Amino acid sequence: MNNEDREKLGKRAATYRTTIDFDNDFDDEDYSSEEMEQEEENVADQATAARTIKELEAEIHTLKHLENLAGEVRSSGEDR
């Protein structure tokens, strides 16, 4: 991750601390396409638990490790 990406992530992390309202009466027709797109972006930005660059890097490291383990299991043929 380069410095520019880190800076962007830091800014996003600072601005996108939102909660999701799980309204049982949700109807996407109640929202404009722009509002829906913005909310989709907000949810995607919240897909990580990381609040700092260091936490994000640790999360990425863990995910890469899990990806490698999954590949080993698949290659072993004993993934059933």
PDB file of N, CA and C in Angstrom:
ATOM      1  N   MET A   1       0.859  -1.171   0.000  1.00  0.00           N
ATOM      2  CA  MET A   1       0.000   0.000   0.000  1.00  0.00           C
ATOM      3  C   MET A   1       0.904   1.232   0.000  1.00  0.00           C
ATOM      4  N   ASN A   2       0.684   2.107  -0.962  1.00  0.00           N
ATOM      5  CA  ASN A   2       1.520   3.303  -1.037  1.00  0.00           C
ATOM      6  C   ASN A   2       0.971   4.408  -0.136  1.00  0.00           C
ATOM      7  N   ASN A   3       1.748   5.464   0.015  1.00  0.00           N
ATOM      8  CA  ASN A   3       1.367   6.552   0.916  1.00  0.00           C
ATOM      9  C   ASN A   3       0.066   7.230   0.507  1.00  0.00           C
ATOM     10  N   GLU A   4      -0.153   7.360  -0.793  1.00  0.00           N
ATOM     11  CA  GLU A   4      -1.390   7.988  -1.266  1.00  0.00           C
ATOM     12  C   GLU A   4      -2.609   7.157  -0.862  1.00  0.00           C
ATOM     13  N   ASP A   5      -2.505   5.832  -1.017  1.00  0.00           N
ATOM     14  CA  ASP A   5      -3.604   4.948  -0.617  1.00  0.00           C
ATOM     15  C   ASP A   5      -3.838   5.025   0.885  1.00  0.00           C
ATOM     16  N   ARG A   6      -2.766   5.081   1.632  1.00  0.00           N
ATOM     17  CA  ARG A   6      -2.887   5.180   3.096  1.00  0.00           C
ATOM     18  C   ARG A   6      -3.597   6.469   3.496  1.00  0.00           C
ATOM     19  N   GLU A   7      -3.227   7.545   2.838  1.00  0.00           N
ATOM     20  CA  GLU A   7      -3.852   8.825   3.142  1.00  0.00           C
ATOM     21  C   GLU A   7      -5.343   8.793   2.818  1.00  0.00           C
ATOM     22  N   LYS A   8      -5.690   8.233   1.652  1.00  0.00           N
ATOM     23  CA  LYS A   8      -7.096   8.119   1.269  1.00  0.00           C
ATOM     24  C   LYS A   8      -7.867   7.271   2.273  1.00  0.00           C
ATOM     25  N   LEU A   9      -7.269   6.145   2.676  1.00  0.00           N
ATOM     26  CA  LEU A   9      -7.937   5.278   3.635  1.00  0.00           C
ATOM     27  C   LEU A   9      -8.155   5.997   4.955  1.00  0.00           C
ATOM     28  N   GLY A  10      -7.151   6.719   5.398  1.00  0.00           N
ATOM     29  CA  GLY A  10      -7.273   7.463   6.649  1.00  0.00           C
ATOM     30  C   GLY A  10      -8.404   8.468   6.606  1.00  0.00           C
ATOM     31  N   LYS A  11      -8.520   9.168   5.485  1.00  0.00           N
ATOM     32  CA  LYS A  11      -9.596  10.147   5.334  1.00  0.00           C
ATOM     33  C   LYS A  11     -10.957   9.460   5.308  1.00  0.00           C
ATOM     34  N   ARG A  12     -11.046   8.345   4.586  1.00  0.00           N
ATOM     35  CA  ARG A  12     -12.317   7.614   4.533  1.00  0.00           C
ATOM     36  C   ARG A  12     -12.699   7.082   5.904  1.00  0.00           C
ATOM     37  N   ALA A  13     -11.735   6.526   6.596  1.00  0.00           N
ATOM     38  CA  ALA A  13     -12.014   5.963   7.916  1.00  0.00           C
ATOM     39  C   ALA A  13     -12.534   7.038   8.857  1.00  0.00           C
ATOM     40  N   ALA A  14     -12.005   8.236   8.720  1.00  0.00           N
ATOM     41  CA  ALA A  14     -12.431   9.325   9.589  1.00  0.00           C
ATOM     42  C   ALA A  14     -13.835   9.813   9.252  1.00  0.00           C
ATOM     43  N   THR A  15     -14.229   9.716   7.985  1.00  0.00           N
ATOM     44  CA  THR A  15     -15.524  10.269   7.585  1.00  0.00           C
ATOM     45  C   THR A  15     -16.654   9.252   7.534  1.00  0.00           C
ATOM     46  N   TYR A  16     -16.344   7.973   7.418  1.00  0.00           N
ATOM     47  CA  TYR A  16     -17.396   6.970   7.256  1.00  0.00           C
ATOM     48  C   TYR A  16     -17.582   6.119   8.500  1.00  0.00           C
ATOM     49  N   ARG A  17     -17.888   6.734   9.587  1.00  0.00           N
ATOM     50  CA  ARG A  17     -18.222   6.007  10.804  1.00  0.00           C
ATOM     51  C   ARG A  17     -19.737   6.086  10.972  1.00  0.00           C
ATOM     52  N   THR A  18     -20.425   5.298  10.166  1.00  0.00           N
ATOM     53  CA  THR A  18     -21.885   5.334  10.173  1.00  0.00           C
ATOM     54  C   THR A  18     -22.429   4.019  10.691  1.00  0.00           C
ATOM     55  N   THR A  19     -23.677   4.038  11.051  1.00  0.00           N
ATOM     56  CA  THR A  19     -24.363   2.807  11.422  1.00  0.00           C
ATOM     57  C   THR A  19     -25.421   2.523  10.382  1.00  0.00           C
ATOM     58  N   ILE A  20     -25.758   1.279  10.257  1.00  0.00           N
ATOM     59  CA  ILE A  20     -26.763   0.869   9.285  1.00  0.00           C
ATOM     60  C   ILE A  20     -28.087   0.710  10.010  1.00  0.00           C
ATOM     61  N   ASP A  21     -29.119   1.329   9.486  1.00  0.00           N
ATOM     62  CA  ASP A  21     -30.453   1.217  10.060  1.00  0.00           C
ATOM     63  C   ASP A  21     -31.177   0.086   9.341  1.00  0.00           C
ATOM     64  N   PHE A  22     -31.381  -1.023  10.043  1.00  0.00           N
ATOM     65  CA  PHE A  22     -32.062  -2.164   9.449  1.00  0.00           C
ATOM     66  C   PHE A  22     -33.563  -2.009   9.649  1.00  0.00           C
ATOM     67  N   ASP A  23     -34.150  -1.202   8.809  1.00  0.00           N
ATOM     68  CA  ASP A  23     -35.576  -0.917   8.860  1.00  0.00           C
ATOM     69  C   ASP A  23     -36.331  -2.047   8.167  1.00  0.00           C
ATOM     70  N   ASN A  24     -37.221  -2.689   8.888  1.00  0.00           N
ATOM     71  CA  ASN A  24     -37.987  -3.796   8.308  1.00  0.00           C
ATOM     72  C   ASN A  24     -38.884  -3.345   7.165  1.00  0.00           C
ATOM     73  N   ASP A  25     -39.191  -2.071   7.112  1.00  0.00           N
ATOM     74  CA  ASP A  25     -40.053  -1.543   6.061  1.00  0.00           C
ATOM     75  C   ASP A  25     -39.241  -0.921   4.930  1.00  0.00           C
ATOM     76  N   PHE A  26     -38.009  -1.351   4.771  1.00  0.00           N
ATOM     77  CA  PHE A  26     -37.135  -0.783   3.740  1.00  0.00           C
ATOM     78  C   PHE A  26     -37.713  -1.035   2.358  1.00  0.00           C
ATOM     79  N   ASP A  27     -37.765   0.007   1.577  1.00  0.00           N
ATOM     80  CA  ASP A  27     -38.220  -0.091   0.189  1.00  0.00           C
ATOM     81  C   ASP A  27     -37.287   0.772  -0.641  1.00  0.00           C
ATOM     82  N   ASP A  28     -36.535   0.128  -1.521  1.00  0.00           N
ATOM     83  CA  ASP A  28     -35.549   0.885  -2.289  1.00  0.00           C
ATOM     84  C   ASP A  28     -36.181   1.933  -3.202  1.00  0.00           C
ATOM     85  N   GLU A  29     -37.468   1.838  -3.434  1.00  0.00           N
ATOM     86  CA  GLU A  29     -38.148   2.848  -4.244  1.00  0.00           C
ATOM     87  C   GLU A  29     -38.332   4.156  -3.480  1.00  0.00           C
ATOM     88  N   ASP A  30     -38.091   4.118  -2.161  1.00  0.00           N
ATOM     89  CA  ASP A  30     -38.193   5.329  -1.352  1.00  0.00           C
ATOM     90  C   ASP A  30     -36.965   6.224  -1.500  1.00  0.00           C
ATOM     91  N   TYR A  31     -35.942   5.735  -2.191  1.00  0.00           N
ATOM     92  CA  TYR A  31     -34.679   6.457  -2.296  1.00  0.00           C
ATOM     93  C   TYR A  31     -34.320   6.689  -3.756  1.00  0.00           C
ATOM     94  N   SER A  32     -33.677   7.822  -4.013  1.00  0.00           N
ATOM     95  CA  SER A  32     -33.214   8.094  -5.378  1.00  0.00           C
ATOM     96  C   SER A  32     -32.025   7.189  -5.683  1.00  0.00           C
ATOM     97  N   SER A  33     -31.705   7.060  -6.953  1.00  0.00           N
ATOM     98  CA  SER A  33     -30.564   6.219  -7.326  1.00  0.00           C
ATOM     99  C   SER A  33     -29.270   6.771  -6.731  1.00  0.00           C
ATOM    100  N   GLU A  34     -29.170   8.099  -6.617  1.00  0.00           N
ATOM    101  CA  GLU A  34     -27.979   8.701  -6.022  1.00  0.00           C
ATOM    102  C   GLU A  34     -27.870   8.345  -4.541  1.00  0.00           C
ATOM    103  N   GLU A  35     -29.006   8.389  -3.828  1.00  0.00           N
ATOM    104  CA  GLU A  35     -29.000   8.033  -2.407  1.00  0.00           C
ATOM    105  C   GLU A  35     -28.638   6.564  -2.210  1.00  0.00           C
ATOM    106  N   MET A  36     -29.173   5.702  -3.057  1.00  0.00           N
ATOM    107  CA  MET A  36     -28.863   4.272  -2.959  1.00  0.00           C
ATOM    108  C   MET A  36     -27.385   4.027  -3.233  1.00  0.00           C
ATOM    109  N   GLU A  37     -26.857   4.685  -4.247  1.00  0.00           N
ATOM    110  CA  GLU A  37     -25.444   4.518  -4.588  1.00  0.00           C
ATOM    111  C   GLU A  37     -24.552   4.980  -3.437  1.00  0.00           C
ATOM    112  N   GLN A  38     -24.901   6.107  -2.824  1.00  0.00           N
ATOM    113  CA  GLN A  38     -24.110   6.614  -1.702  1.00  0.00           C
ATOM    114  C   GLN A  38     -24.145   5.640  -0.528  1.00  0.00           C
ATOM    115  N   GLU A  39     -25.310   5.099  -0.228  1.00  0.00           N
ATOM    116  CA  GLU A  39     -25.412   4.142   0.872  1.00  0.00           C
ATOM    117  C   GLU A  39     -24.641   2.863   0.573  1.00  0.00           C
ATOM    118  N   GLU A  40     -24.681   2.412  -0.680  1.00  0.00           N
ATOM    119  CA  GLU A  40     -23.907   1.232  -1.066  1.00  0.00           C
ATOM    120  C   GLU A  40     -22.420   1.481  -0.868  1.00  0.00           C
ATOM    121  N   GLU A  41     -21.957   2.675  -1.225  1.00  0.00           N
ATOM    122  CA  GLU A  41     -20.555   3.024  -1.019  1.00  0.00           C
ATOM    123  C   GLU A  41     -20.220   3.066   0.463  1.00  0.00           C
ATOM    124  N   ASN A  42     -21.120   3.615   1.269  1.00  0.00           N
ATOM    125  CA  ASN A  42     -20.888   3.671   2.714  1.00  0.00           C
ATOM    126  C   ASN A  42     -20.757   2.273   3.302  1.00  0.00           C
ATOM    127  N   VAL A  43     -21.622   1.367   2.884  1.00  0.00           N
ATOM    128  CA  VAL A  43     -21.566  -0.012   3.382  1.00  0.00           C
ATOM    129  C   VAL A  43     -20.272  -0.676   2.946  1.00  0.00           C
ATOM    130  N   ALA A  44     -19.903  -0.493   1.692  1.00  0.00           N
ATOM    131  CA  ALA A  44     -18.659  -1.086   1.194  1.00  0.00           C
ATOM    132  C   ALA A  44     -17.458  -0.539   1.947  1.00  0.00           C
ATOM    133  N   ASP A  45     -17.467   0.739   2.257  1.00  0.00           N
ATOM    134  CA  ASP A  45     -16.361   1.339   2.995  1.00  0.00           C
ATOM    135  C   ASP A  45     -16.273   0.795   4.419  1.00  0.00           C
ATOM    136  N   GLN A  46     -17.379   0.331   4.949  1.00  0.00           N
ATOM    137  CA  GLN A  46     -17.400  -0.200   6.311  1.00  0.00           C
ATOM    138  C   GLN A  46     -17.134  -1.698   6.356  1.00  0.00           C
ATOM    139  N   ALA A  47     -16.786  -2.293   5.230  1.00  0.00           N
ATOM    140  CA  ALA A  47     -16.598  -3.741   5.160  1.00  0.00           C
ATOM    141  C   ALA A  47     -15.403  -4.224   5.963  1.00  0.00           C
ATOM    142  N   THR A  48     -14.559  -3.356   6.405  1.00  0.00           N
ATOM    143  CA  THR A  48     -13.419  -3.734   7.219  1.00  0.00           C
ATOM    144  C   THR A  48     -13.628  -3.262   8.647  1.00  0.00           C
ATOM    145  N   ALA A  49     -13.077  -4.000   9.587  1.00  0.00           N
ATOM    146  CA  ALA A  49     -13.154  -3.617  10.989  1.00  0.00           C
ATOM    147  C   ALA A  49     -12.018  -2.666  11.354  1.00  0.00           C
ATOM    148  N   ALA A  50     -11.068  -2.501  10.455  1.00  0.00           N
ATOM    149  CA  ALA A  50      -9.889  -1.684  10.728  1.00  0.00           C
ATOM    150  C   ALA A  50     -10.255  -0.216  10.892  1.00  0.00           C
ATOM    151  N   ARG A  51      -9.657   0.400  11.888  1.00  0.00           N
ATOM    152  CA  ARG A  51      -9.857   1.828  12.117  1.00  0.00           C
ATOM    153  C   ARG A  51      -8.579   2.621  11.851  1.00  0.00           C
ATOM    154  N   THR A  52      -7.471   1.919  11.696  1.00  0.00           N
ATOM    155  CA  THR A  52      -6.197   2.570  11.402  1.00  0.00           C
ATOM    156  C   THR A  52      -5.506   1.815  10.275  1.00  0.00           C
ATOM    157  N   ILE A  53      -4.500   2.443   9.702  1.00  0.00           N
ATOM    158  CA  ILE A  53      -3.721   1.785   8.653  1.00  0.00           C
ATOM    159  C   ILE A  53      -3.065   0.530   9.210  1.00  0.00           C
ATOM    160  N   LYS A  54      -2.538   0.623  10.411  1.00  0.00           N
ATOM    161  CA  LYS A  54      -1.874  -0.533  11.024  1.00  0.00           C
ATOM    162  C   LYS A  54      -2.857  -1.698  11.182  1.00  0.00           C
ATOM    163  N   GLU A  55      -4.061  -1.407  11.637  1.00  0.00           N
ATOM    164  CA  GLU A  55      -5.080  -2.451  11.779  1.00  0.00           C
ATOM    165  C   GLU A  55      -5.459  -3.027  10.418  1.00  0.00           C
ATOM    166  N   LEU A  56      -5.565  -2.171   9.407  1.00  0.00           N
ATOM    167  CA  LEU A  56      -5.907  -2.640   8.069  1.00  0.00           C
ATOM    168  C   LEU A  56      -4.808  -3.548   7.526  1.00  0.00           C
ATOM    169  N   GLU A  57      -3.560  -3.157   7.714  1.00  0.00           N
ATOM    170  CA  GLU A  57      -2.452  -3.986   7.243  1.00  0.00           C
ATOM    171  C   GLU A  57      -2.458  -5.343   7.941  1.00  0.00           C
ATOM    172  N   ALA A  58      -2.753  -5.362   9.248  1.00  0.00           N
ATOM    173  CA  ALA A  58      -2.836  -6.626   9.982  1.00  0.00           C
ATOM    174  C   ALA A  58      -3.987  -7.476   9.450  1.00  0.00           C
ATOM    175  N   GLU A  59      -5.107  -6.836   9.161  1.00  0.00           N
ATOM    176  CA  GLU A  59      -6.265  -7.548   8.618  1.00  0.00           C
ATOM    177  C   GLU A  59      -5.937  -8.146   7.249  1.00  0.00           C
ATOM    178  N   ILE A  60      -5.273  -7.383   6.412  1.00  0.00           N
ATOM    179  CA  ILE A  60      -4.880  -7.871   5.084  1.00  0.00           C
ATOM    180  C   ILE A  60      -3.930  -9.048   5.218  1.00  0.00           C
ATOM    181  N   HIS A  61      -2.977  -8.950   6.137  1.00  0.00           N
ATOM    182  CA  HIS A  61      -2.027 -10.047   6.372  1.00  0.00           C
ATOM    183  C   HIS A  61      -2.772 -11.320   6.778  1.00  0.00           C
ATOM    184  N   THR A  62      -3.719 -11.188   7.686  1.00  0.00           N
ATOM    185  CA  THR A  62      -4.506 -12.340   8.137  1.00  0.00           C
ATOM    186  C   THR A  62      -5.308 -12.935   6.988  1.00  0.00           C
ATOM    187  N   LEU A  63      -5.924 -12.087   6.184  1.00  0.00           N
ATOM    188  CA  LEU A  63      -6.715 -12.576   5.053  1.00  0.00           C
ATOM    189  C   LEU A  63      -5.847 -13.293   4.028  1.00  0.00           C
ATOM    190  N   LYS A  64      -4.657 -12.781   3.780  1.00  0.00           N
ATOM    191  CA  LYS A  64      -3.745 -13.455   2.849  1.00  0.00           C
ATOM    192  C   LYS A  64      -3.349 -14.821   3.386  1.00  0.00           C
ATOM    193  N   HIS A  65      -3.102 -14.896   4.696  1.00  0.00           N
ATOM    194  CA  HIS A  65      -2.761 -16.176   5.321  1.00  0.00           C
ATOM    195  C   HIS A  65      -3.926 -17.164   5.175  1.00  0.00           C
ATOM    196  N   LEU A  66      -5.132 -16.704   5.444  1.00  0.00           N
ATOM    197  CA  LEU A  66      -6.309 -17.568   5.310  1.00  0.00           C
ATOM    198  C   LEU A  66      -6.516 -18.000   3.860  1.00  0.00           C
ATOM    199  N   GLU A  67      -6.253 -17.105   2.934  1.00  0.00           N
ATOM    200  CA  GLU A  67      -6.369 -17.441   1.516  1.00  0.00           C
ATOM    201  C   GLU A  67      -5.375 -18.543   1.148  1.00  0.00           C
ATOM    202  N   ASN A  68      -4.153 -18.431   1.652  1.00  0.00           N
ATOM    203  CA  ASN A  68      -3.145 -19.468   1.395  1.00  0.00           C
ATOM    204  C   ASN A  68      -3.563 -20.807   1.991  1.00  0.00           C
ATOM    205  N   LEU A  69      -4.082 -20.782   3.217  1.00  0.00           N
ATOM    206  CA  LEU A  69      -4.549 -22.020   3.847  1.00  0.00           C
ATOM    207  C   LEU A  69      -5.682 -22.650   3.046  1.00  0.00           C
ATOM    208  N   ALA A  70      -6.606 -21.828   2.584  1.00  0.00           N
ATOM    209  CA  ALA A  70      -7.725 -22.344   1.786  1.00  0.00           C
ATOM    210  C   ALA A  70      -7.218 -22.980   0.499  1.00  0.00           C
ATOM    211  N   GLY A  71      -6.232 -22.363  -0.121  1.00  0.00           N
ATOM    212  CA  GLY A  71      -5.645 -22.928  -1.332  1.00  0.00           C
ATOM    213  C   GLY A  71      -4.987 -24.271  -1.071  1.00  0.00           C
ATOM    214  N   GLU A  72      -4.311 -24.389   0.071  1.00  0.00           N
ATOM    215  CA  GLU A  72      -3.682 -25.659   0.432  1.00  0.00           C
ATOM    216  C   GLU A  72      -4.728 -26.746   0.652  1.00  0.00           C
ATOM    217  N   VAL A  73      -5.805 -26.400   1.324  1.00  0.00           N
ATOM    218  CA  VAL A  73      -6.877 -27.373   1.569  1.00  0.00           C
ATOM    219  C   VAL A  73      -7.482 -27.813   0.243  1.00  0.00           C
ATOM    220  N   ARG A  74      -7.754 -26.865  -0.638  1.00  0.00           N
ATOM    221  CA  ARG A  74      -8.329 -27.204  -1.938  1.00  0.00           C
ATOM    222  C   ARG A  74      -7.382 -28.105  -2.731  1.00  0.00           C
ATOM    223  N   SER A  75      -6.107 -27.780  -2.726  1.00  0.00           N
ATOM    224  CA  SER A  75      -5.115 -28.564  -3.469  1.00  0.00           C
ATOM    225  C   SER A  75      -4.946 -29.970  -2.909  1.00  0.00           C
ATOM    226  N   SER A  76      -5.185 -30.121  -1.610  1.00  0.00           N
ATOM    227  CA  SER A  76      -5.001 -31.429  -0.977  1.00  0.00           C
ATOM    228  C   SER A  76      -6.068 -32.425  -1.412  1.00  0.00           C
ATOM    229  N   GLY A  77      -7.208 -31.925  -1.893  1.00  0.00           N
ATOM    230  CA  GLY A  77      -8.298 -32.804  -2.283  1.00  0.00           C
ATOM    231  C   GLY A  77      -9.090 -33.328  -1.097  1.00  0.00           C
ATOM    232  N   GLU A  78      -8.790 -32.842   0.088  1.00  0.00           N
ATOM    233  CA  GLU A  78      -9.480 -33.294   1.302  1.00  0.00           C
ATOM    234  C   GLU A  78     -10.354 -32.183   1.879  1.00  0.00           C
ATOM    235  N   ASP A  79     -10.970 -31.435   1.024  1.00  0.00           N
ATOM    236  CA  ASP A  79     -11.775 -30.304   1.469  1.00  0.00           C
ATOM    237  C   ASP A  79     -13.259 -30.623   1.601  1.00  0.00           C
ATOM    238  N   ARG A  80     -13.574 -31.893   1.712  1.00  0.00           N
ATOM    239  CA  ARG A  80     -14.989 -32.273   1.832  1.00  0.00           C
ATOM    240  C   ARG A  80     -15.320 -32.691   3.219  1.00  0.00           C
TER     241      ARG A  80
END
